[in-house]
């Protein structure tokens, strides 16, 4: 059911429903409705006529837009706002509309009304665990006053460091601002005390060098930046994110900081078989003789003989 929703395959959904399937069933954190709106977790989903027709069909047959799903868990209208697709949002407005939705839509006037009636709202949580500040930071809605909403929430006492559990990590407002490429919200959060070094990681992981430059300008320290508990530079290389890794290296990140295994950026580049990255790491002062916890030097973990030969020279 969830996969059929992701593909907006209405004929399959009809067959599954007739066979006793549940439109609100959840698989790996997703429901069919959320999968339709967010076909790819880290990509865009266009509100095509096929998807809109399927969305309306699902809603008419009991798909509940107020149930949380996706990562981190959120109601369908919030996910639609995070995708930045007004046509999805328009069809989901029959669902519950409240301060969290207003924040995600960038509706400053409505958020101010909620705060006036309930000042503690600034630090409340929606059903899936999101804060209103996170919703504003994640918004991609055209014309949304995300920065105005974020500022109003912060002035009302919203905690910019509040985290919400996602797939395997706890995420915060600066993470959402980087993911949505909300430059003004990202800068506002830095101005309000979010650690610049912490902000560097989501900026680079989302390929947003402009935001990374903002973090650097506010004192981010590349050698203290972590991703999944590992040195950011090493982690980027490990997962093949060579462009941001080179960017970080060129801004002074040390290639000799070791991870839990004792691997440096040189070990990682050798293991990945990336000659350009490895040469850049060596050029930045990388130690080709450094041993890891198992006593292996970079040439011992190289996956290409050419790279191993360079390291032995």
Foldseek 3Di string as FASTA:
>chain_A
DLVCLLVLVQVVVVVCVVVPHDQQDDDLFDGSLQSLLCSDVQDADACDPSSLVSNLVSVVVDHAQQFFGAWLTDGNLLSNQLNQYVSSNVSCVVHDDALLSCLLQQVLVRVVVVCVVPLVLLADARPSGDHSLLSLLSGLHPPHNSLSNNVVSVVSPRDQPDWGGTSHDTDGNLLNNLSSVVQNSNLVVVVVPDQLQASLQSNVVNVNVVSNVSSVVSPHDQQPRDDPQFRSLLVCLQVPVQVSSLVSLVVPHQQCDATPQQHGSLLSCQLVQPPVSNVSNVVSPHDQCRATPVGDGSLVNGPDVVSSVVSVD
